[in-house]
Protein backbone atom coordinates (compact mmCIF):
# COMPACT_ATOMS: atom_id res chain seq x y z
CA MET A 1 -18.39 6.24 40.15
CA VAL A 2 -19.58 9.85 39.84
CA THR A 3 -20.56 11.53 43.10
CA SER A 4 -23.74 13.60 42.99
CA PRO A 5 -23.42 17.31 43.82
CA SER A 6 -25.71 16.99 46.86
CA ARG A 7 -23.62 14.14 48.22
CA ALA A 8 -20.41 16.07 47.59
CA TRP A 9 -21.76 18.97 49.63
CA LYS A 10 -22.56 16.61 52.49
CA ASN A 11 -19.00 15.23 52.44
CA ILE A 12 -17.47 18.65 53.13
CA ASN A 13 -16.15 18.99 56.67
CA TRP A 14 -17.56 22.44 57.38
CA LYS A 15 -16.09 22.57 60.89
CA GLN A 16 -12.59 21.91 59.56
CA LEU A 17 -13.12 24.43 56.76
CA ALA A 18 -14.12 27.11 59.27
CA ASN A 19 -11.11 26.35 61.43
CA THR A 20 -8.61 26.46 58.59
CA GLU A 21 -9.95 29.16 56.28
CA ILE A 22 -11.53 31.63 58.67
CA THR A 23 -9.91 31.35 62.07
CA SER A 24 -6.36 30.47 61.05
CA THR A 25 -5.29 33.75 59.46
CA TRP A 26 -1.51 33.80 59.35
CA LYS A 27 -0.84 37.14 60.96
CA PRO A 28 2.80 38.19 61.48
CA GLN A 29 2.64 37.58 65.23
CA LEU A 30 1.47 33.99 64.68
CA GLN A 31 4.14 33.46 62.02
CA ALA A 32 6.83 34.66 64.43
CA THR A 33 5.54 32.47 67.25
CA VAL A 34 5.55 29.34 65.08
CA LEU A 35 9.01 30.10 63.71
CA LEU A 36 10.32 30.57 67.25
CA TYR A 37 8.94 27.15 68.22
CA ILE A 38 10.60 25.59 65.19
CA ALA A 39 13.90 27.40 65.86
CA GLU A 40 14.01 26.31 69.50
CA MET A 41 13.24 22.68 68.66
CA LEU A 42 15.81 22.64 65.85
CA GLN A 43 18.43 23.88 68.29
CA GLU A 44 17.42 21.07 70.65
CA GLY A 45 18.01 18.53 67.89
CA PHE A 46 14.44 17.58 66.92
CA PRO A 47 13.90 16.45 63.30
CA MET A 48 11.58 18.60 61.19
CA LEU A 49 8.79 16.02 60.81
CA GLU A 50 8.55 15.61 64.60
CA ILE A 51 8.39 19.40 64.90
CA PHE A 52 5.43 19.54 62.49
CA ALA A 53 3.64 16.82 64.50
CA PHE A 54 4.26 18.79 67.70
CA LEU A 55 2.97 22.01 66.14
CA LYS A 56 -0.29 20.28 65.21
CA THR A 57 -1.02 19.70 68.90
CA ILE A 58 -0.14 23.27 69.92
CA PHE A 59 -1.97 24.99 67.07
CA PRO A 60 -5.02 22.80 66.24
CA LYS A 61 -6.55 25.49 64.00
CA GLN A 62 -3.48 25.30 61.76
CA GLU A 63 -3.36 21.49 61.73
CA VAL A 64 -4.16 21.26 58.00
CA THR A 65 -1.40 23.76 57.16
CA PHE A 66 1.21 21.85 59.14
CA GLY A 67 0.03 18.63 57.50
CA LYS A 68 0.66 20.14 54.07
CA MET A 69 4.07 21.40 55.18
CA ALA A 70 5.01 17.96 56.52
CA ALA A 71 3.86 16.30 53.29
CA GLY A 72 5.90 18.73 51.19
CA PHE A 73 8.96 18.25 53.38
CA SER A 74 8.61 14.45 53.14
CA ALA A 75 8.38 14.77 49.35
CA GLY A 76 11.83 16.37 49.26
CA GLN A 77 11.01 20.07 49.42
CA TYR A 78 13.16 22.43 51.46
CA PHE A 79 11.77 24.27 54.47
CA TYR A 80 11.82 27.62 52.66
CA GLN A 81 9.61 26.07 49.97
CA VAL A 82 6.92 24.82 52.37
CA ILE A 83 6.70 28.01 54.45
CA HIS A 84 4.51 29.53 51.74
CA GLU A 85 1.74 27.55 53.44
CA MET A 86 2.22 29.96 56.36
CA LYS A 87 1.80 32.92 53.96
CA ILE A 88 5.45 33.87 54.44
CA LYS A 89 6.75 35.58 51.33
CA GLY A 90 9.08 38.31 50.17
CA ASN A 91 12.36 39.10 51.87
CA VAL A 92 11.49 36.95 54.92
CA ALA A 93 11.19 33.85 52.73
CA TYR A 94 14.48 34.78 51.08
CA GLN A 95 16.21 35.13 54.46
CA ILE A 96 14.89 31.72 55.52
CA GLN A 97 16.22 30.25 52.27
CA VAL A 98 19.66 31.70 52.96
CA ALA A 99 19.63 30.61 56.62
CA GLU A 100 18.65 27.07 55.63
CA ALA A 101 21.43 26.79 53.06
CA TYR A 102 24.23 28.16 55.23
CA GLY A 103 25.13 28.35 58.90
CA ASN A 104 23.14 27.39 62.00
CA PHE A 105 19.57 27.14 60.69
CA GLY A 106 17.95 27.09 64.12
CA LEU A 107 19.75 30.22 65.27
CA GLY A 108 19.14 31.98 61.96
CA LEU A 109 15.44 31.14 62.09
CA GLU A 110 15.23 32.54 65.62
CA THR A 111 16.75 35.83 64.43
CA ILE A 112 14.25 36.02 61.56
CA ALA A 113 11.32 35.32 63.91
CA MET A 114 12.42 38.11 66.23
CA TYR A 115 12.70 40.43 63.22
CA ILE A 116 9.09 39.61 62.25
CA GLN A 117 7.96 40.29 65.83
CA GLU A 118 9.72 43.64 66.01
CA ARG A 119 8.40 44.75 62.63
CA ASP A 120 4.85 43.72 63.57
CA GLN A 121 5.03 45.60 66.89
CA GLN A 122 6.13 48.75 65.09
CA MET A 123 3.34 48.35 62.54
CA GLN A 124 0.74 47.96 65.30
CA LYS A 125 1.98 51.17 66.94
CA LEU A 126 1.83 52.91 63.59
CA LYS A 127 -1.75 51.75 62.99
CA GLY A 128 -2.72 53.05 66.43
CA VAL A 129 -1.25 56.47 65.64
CA MET A 130 -3.06 56.61 62.28
CA LEU A 131 -6.50 55.98 63.78
CA TYR A 132 -6.87 59.57 65.00
CA PRO A 133 -6.23 61.33 61.65
CA ILE A 134 -8.51 58.82 59.89
CA ALA A 135 -11.23 59.59 62.45
CA LEU A 136 -10.74 63.32 61.82
CA ILE A 137 -11.10 62.84 58.06
CA VAL A 138 -14.30 60.83 58.53
CA LEU A 139 -15.64 63.46 60.95
CA MET A 140 -14.88 66.30 58.55
CA ILE A 141 -16.54 64.56 55.58
CA GLY A 142 -19.52 63.66 57.77
CA MET A 143 -19.91 67.27 58.88
CA LEU A 144 -19.82 68.53 55.31
CA PHE A 145 -22.46 66.09 54.13
CA GLY A 146 -24.50 66.79 57.27
CA LEU A 147 -24.50 70.48 56.40
CA ARG A 148 -25.53 69.71 52.86
CA ILE A 149 -28.39 67.40 53.87
CA PHE A 150 -29.89 69.34 56.79
CA LEU A 151 -29.09 73.03 56.28
CA LEU A 152 -28.64 73.52 52.56
CA PRO A 153 -32.36 73.13 51.64
CA GLN A 154 -33.27 75.98 54.01
CA LEU A 155 -30.38 78.19 52.99
CA ALA A 156 -30.94 77.68 49.27
CA SER A 157 -34.25 79.53 49.50
CA MET A 158 -32.54 82.61 50.95
CA SER A 159 -31.04 85.34 48.80
CA VAL A 160 -27.39 86.04 49.47
CA GLY A 161 -26.23 89.60 48.87
CA GLU A 162 -23.04 90.71 47.18
CA GLY A 163 -21.58 91.63 50.57
CA GLN A 164 -21.84 88.01 51.59
CA GLY A 165 -19.41 86.71 48.98
CA LEU A 166 -17.73 84.24 51.32
CA LEU A 167 -21.05 82.74 52.31
CA SER A 168 -22.02 82.56 48.65
CA TYR A 169 -18.92 80.49 47.94
CA LEU A 170 -19.66 78.25 50.93
CA LEU A 171 -23.19 77.62 49.70
CA ILE A 172 -21.96 76.84 46.18
CA PHE A 173 -19.39 74.45 47.66
CA LEU A 174 -22.07 72.62 49.65
CA GLN A 175 -24.42 72.48 46.67
CA GLU A 176 -21.73 70.91 44.48
CA LEU A 177 -20.19 68.79 47.25
CA HIS A 178 -21.31 65.46 45.80
CA TRP A 179 -19.85 66.34 42.39
CA ILE A 180 -16.63 67.51 44.01
CA MET A 181 -16.32 64.17 45.84
CA ILE A 182 -17.11 62.20 42.68
CA GLY A 183 -14.55 64.22 40.71
CA PHE A 184 -11.96 63.67 43.44
CA LEU A 185 -12.57 59.90 43.43
CA ILE A 186 -12.34 59.78 39.62
CA LEU A 187 -9.06 61.71 39.77
CA LEU A 188 -7.70 59.24 42.34
CA LEU A 189 -8.79 56.33 40.15
CA VAL A 190 -7.06 57.81 37.08
CA ILE A 191 -3.88 58.43 39.08
CA LEU A 192 -4.00 54.85 40.39
CA ILE A 193 -4.42 53.38 36.89
CA VAL A 194 -1.58 55.51 35.49
CA TYR A 195 0.63 54.51 38.42
CA LEU A 196 -0.08 50.79 37.96
CA ILE A 197 0.72 51.00 34.23
CA TRP A 198 3.92 52.92 34.96
CA LYS A 199 4.87 50.47 37.72
CA LYS A 200 4.44 47.52 35.38
CA ARG A 201 6.69 49.05 32.72
CA THR A 202 9.55 50.31 34.90
CA ASN A 203 12.41 48.67 36.76
CA PRO A 204 11.99 48.40 40.59
CA LEU A 205 15.26 50.26 41.13
CA SER A 206 14.15 53.08 38.80
CA ARG A 207 10.91 53.35 40.77
CA ALA A 208 12.84 53.51 44.03
CA ARG A 209 14.96 56.38 42.70
CA LEU A 210 11.79 58.31 41.96
CA TYR A 211 10.14 57.48 45.30
CA VAL A 212 13.06 58.85 47.35
CA LYS A 213 12.78 62.20 45.52
CA LEU A 214 9.08 62.71 46.24
CA PRO A 215 8.23 65.66 48.50
CA VAL A 216 7.25 64.88 52.12
CA VAL A 217 7.36 61.07 51.80
CA GLY A 218 10.69 60.84 49.94
CA LYS A 219 12.65 60.77 53.19
CA LEU A 220 10.51 57.89 54.44
CA PHE A 221 11.25 55.85 51.32
CA ARG A 222 14.97 56.53 51.64
CA LEU A 223 14.97 55.39 55.27
CA TYR A 224 12.93 52.31 54.37
CA TYR A 225 15.26 51.22 51.58
CA THR A 226 18.31 51.84 53.76
CA GLN A 227 16.90 49.79 56.64
CA PHE A 228 15.74 47.06 54.30
CA PHE A 229 19.08 46.58 52.57
CA ALA A 230 21.16 47.08 55.71
CA TYR A 231 19.23 44.23 57.33
CA GLU A 232 19.51 42.00 54.26
CA PHE A 233 23.24 42.64 53.97
CA SER A 234 23.78 42.02 57.70
CA GLN A 235 22.15 38.61 57.43
CA LEU A 236 24.25 37.67 54.41
CA PHE A 237 27.50 39.03 55.85
CA ARG A 238 26.78 37.15 59.09
CA ILE A 239 26.92 33.77 57.37
CA GLY A 240 30.14 34.68 55.59
CA TYR A 241 28.95 35.87 52.18
CA SER A 242 31.31 38.03 50.17
CA VAL A 243 29.99 41.00 48.21
CA ARG A 244 30.20 38.96 45.01
CA GLN A 245 28.24 36.09 46.57
CA ILE A 246 25.60 38.55 47.79
CA THR A 247 25.21 39.91 44.27
CA GLU A 248 24.79 36.44 42.79
CA SER A 249 22.35 35.44 45.54
CA LEU A 250 20.17 38.51 44.96
CA ILE A 251 20.02 37.82 41.23
CA LYS A 252 19.10 34.14 41.66
CA GLN A 253 16.31 34.65 44.21
CA ASN A 254 12.80 35.33 42.88
CA GLU A 255 10.98 36.29 46.08
CA VAL A 256 11.54 40.06 45.87
CA ALA A 257 11.75 41.77 42.47
CA PHE A 258 13.47 44.80 43.99
CA LEU A 259 16.28 42.67 45.45
CA GLN A 260 16.74 40.99 42.08
CA ALA A 261 16.89 44.34 40.26
CA PHE A 262 19.41 45.65 42.76
CA GLY A 263 21.51 42.50 42.37
CA GLU A 264 21.58 43.04 38.61
CA TYR A 265 22.60 46.66 39.19
CA LEU A 266 25.48 45.59 41.48
CA ASP A 267 26.54 42.96 38.96
CA GLU A 268 26.67 45.52 36.15
CA ARG A 269 28.67 47.95 38.28
CA TYR A 270 31.04 45.15 39.33
CA TYR A 271 31.97 44.40 35.72
CA GLN A 272 32.50 48.13 35.16
CA GLY A 273 35.12 48.07 37.92
CA VAL A 274 33.10 50.15 40.41
CA SER A 275 33.58 49.34 44.09
CA PHE A 276 30.70 48.12 46.25
CA THR A 277 30.49 51.29 48.36
CA ASP A 278 30.60 53.52 45.27
CA SER A 279 27.77 51.45 43.79
CA LEU A 280 25.71 52.00 46.95
CA THR A 281 26.28 55.75 46.69
CA ALA A 282 25.48 55.85 42.96
CA ALA A 283 22.25 53.90 43.49
CA ASP A 284 20.86 57.09 45.09
CA VAL A 285 18.26 55.32 47.22
CA PHE A 286 20.11 55.08 50.55
CA THR A 287 21.10 57.54 53.25
CA ARG A 288 24.52 59.16 52.89
CA GLU A 289 25.74 57.39 56.03
CA PHE A 290 25.08 53.87 54.74
CA PRO A 291 28.11 53.58 52.38
CA ALA A 292 30.30 55.04 55.15
CA ILE A 293 29.01 52.39 57.57
CA VAL A 294 29.93 49.69 55.04
CA ILE A 295 33.45 51.13 54.63
CA GLN A 296 33.91 51.23 58.39
CA GLY A 297 32.67 47.65 58.70
CA GLU A 298 35.11 46.49 56.03
CA LEU A 299 38.05 48.18 57.77
CA LEU A 300 37.16 46.69 61.16
CA ASN A 301 36.10 43.33 59.71
CA GLN A 302 32.68 43.84 61.36
CA LEU A 303 30.40 44.23 58.37
CA ALA A 304 27.64 41.99 59.76
CA ILE A 305 27.53 43.75 63.14
CA LYS A 306 27.81 47.29 61.76
CA THR A 307 25.08 46.82 59.14
CA ARG A 308 22.77 45.07 61.61
CA LEU A 309 23.10 47.82 64.24
CA TYR A 310 22.66 50.49 61.58
CA SER A 311 19.52 48.79 60.22
CA GLN A 312 18.03 48.81 63.73
CA ARG A 313 18.85 52.49 64.20
CA VAL A 314 17.40 53.44 60.82
CA LEU A 315 14.25 51.41 61.55
CA ARG A 316 13.69 53.38 64.76
CA LEU A 317 14.34 56.64 62.90
CA LEU A 318 11.89 55.60 60.18
CA TYR A 319 9.04 55.08 62.64
CA GLN A 320 9.91 58.27 64.53
CA THR A 321 9.76 60.23 61.27
CA ILE A 322 6.44 58.63 60.33
CA ASP A 323 5.09 59.51 63.78
CA GLN A 324 6.19 63.14 63.40
CA GLN A 325 4.61 63.47 59.96
CA ILE A 326 1.37 61.92 61.19
CA LYS A 327 1.27 64.45 64.04
CA ILE A 328 1.69 67.27 61.52
CA ALA A 329 -1.13 65.78 59.44
CA GLN A 330 -3.25 65.59 62.59
CA SER A 331 -2.73 69.30 63.23
CA ILE A 332 -3.74 70.16 59.66
CA LEU A 333 -6.82 67.95 59.86
CA PHE A 334 -7.78 69.39 63.24
CA LEU A 335 -7.53 72.88 61.75
CA SER A 336 -9.75 71.75 58.86
CA VAL A 337 -12.35 70.44 61.29
CA ALA A 338 -12.21 73.75 63.17
CA ILE A 339 -12.80 75.61 59.89
CA CYS A 340 -15.81 73.37 59.23
CA VAL A 341 -17.20 74.23 62.67
CA VAL A 342 -16.73 77.95 61.99
CA MET A 343 -18.45 77.46 58.65
CA VAL A 344 -21.42 75.90 60.45
CA TYR A 345 -21.72 78.95 62.70
CA LEU A 346 -21.50 81.29 59.72
CA ILE A 347 -24.25 79.43 57.91
CA LEU A 348 -26.43 79.35 61.03
CA MET A 349 -25.98 83.11 61.41
CA LEU A 350 -26.86 83.77 57.76
CA PRO A 351 -30.60 84.29 58.39
CA MET A 352 -29.81 86.80 61.14
CA LEU A 353 -27.43 88.70 58.86
CA THR A 354 -30.05 88.75 56.12
CA MET A 355 -32.65 90.17 58.51
CA LEU A 356 -30.24 92.89 59.70
CA GLU A 357 -29.65 93.97 56.10
CA THR A 358 -33.38 94.42 55.53
CA ILE A 359 -33.77 96.69 58.58
């Protein structure tokens, strides 16, 4: 029997739709909290289906999601396959896959959840620091358009002498401000399109090698890649992976294209007879200390510990460097706002200067 459209609309549970689609956004903090619950219950010996039933009572807004996860798990899927319902992707999903396949899954999941929490806390701090420069940019643009809207019509009727060359340039700038902004936006759009085309046609590792050589932000990319791989390696070394097993695991996973490309690079270097540490150095995307840390870890048989501690140190250094660069940007933006204020005073004094010239 065919259901009429009006009847189909009536059958929709709008309350449930609102709860699941609008209010149940899977933010990193919520993901970490849920994973911690699952990790703790796994370590206490609870089966996964009972854990999903328990989570439904604690997180009623995510009840539908946990129902889908339970159904997938009952159908024979692995946990790492059903966590996509929680919007967990990328290297985190890969780490969960590795933790589920080897070692103590509950303990490994707890470590991953704490990693998500730490990363989210750092991102929240970073967002807070970035609010001020964004506010300065908005203020500066607002001041420029305010000058153009309110003062330019009056100033346009005045004649500007040759001795007022700077003011002449300021007036021309304000008159053409909208075209300057449009041209700037078009330029950004063209750059974005060219970048997306280039990104689609190049290997992730080749892109990384270019990113780390960029002025100003290149150091940030190098620190990011170092922290990222140091953490990934620490997790794999912790469960007993050899370098060869890590390479094969990176190639087989399809969550992160960059990891896969790097695995293929390591595999190629392996068959060329190049050592692991020399391959890290030749990749030219990590800090100079990272290969040395790996060598030290191999000699002391503490690869997992050394790479994990180094990843934590590099992560702190990454956010410190970002904070320093944002403060420099703030100073530049504050100076720009000050110049705009001085420009306002100059324009306001223009009629007086014109009158003095006529005396």
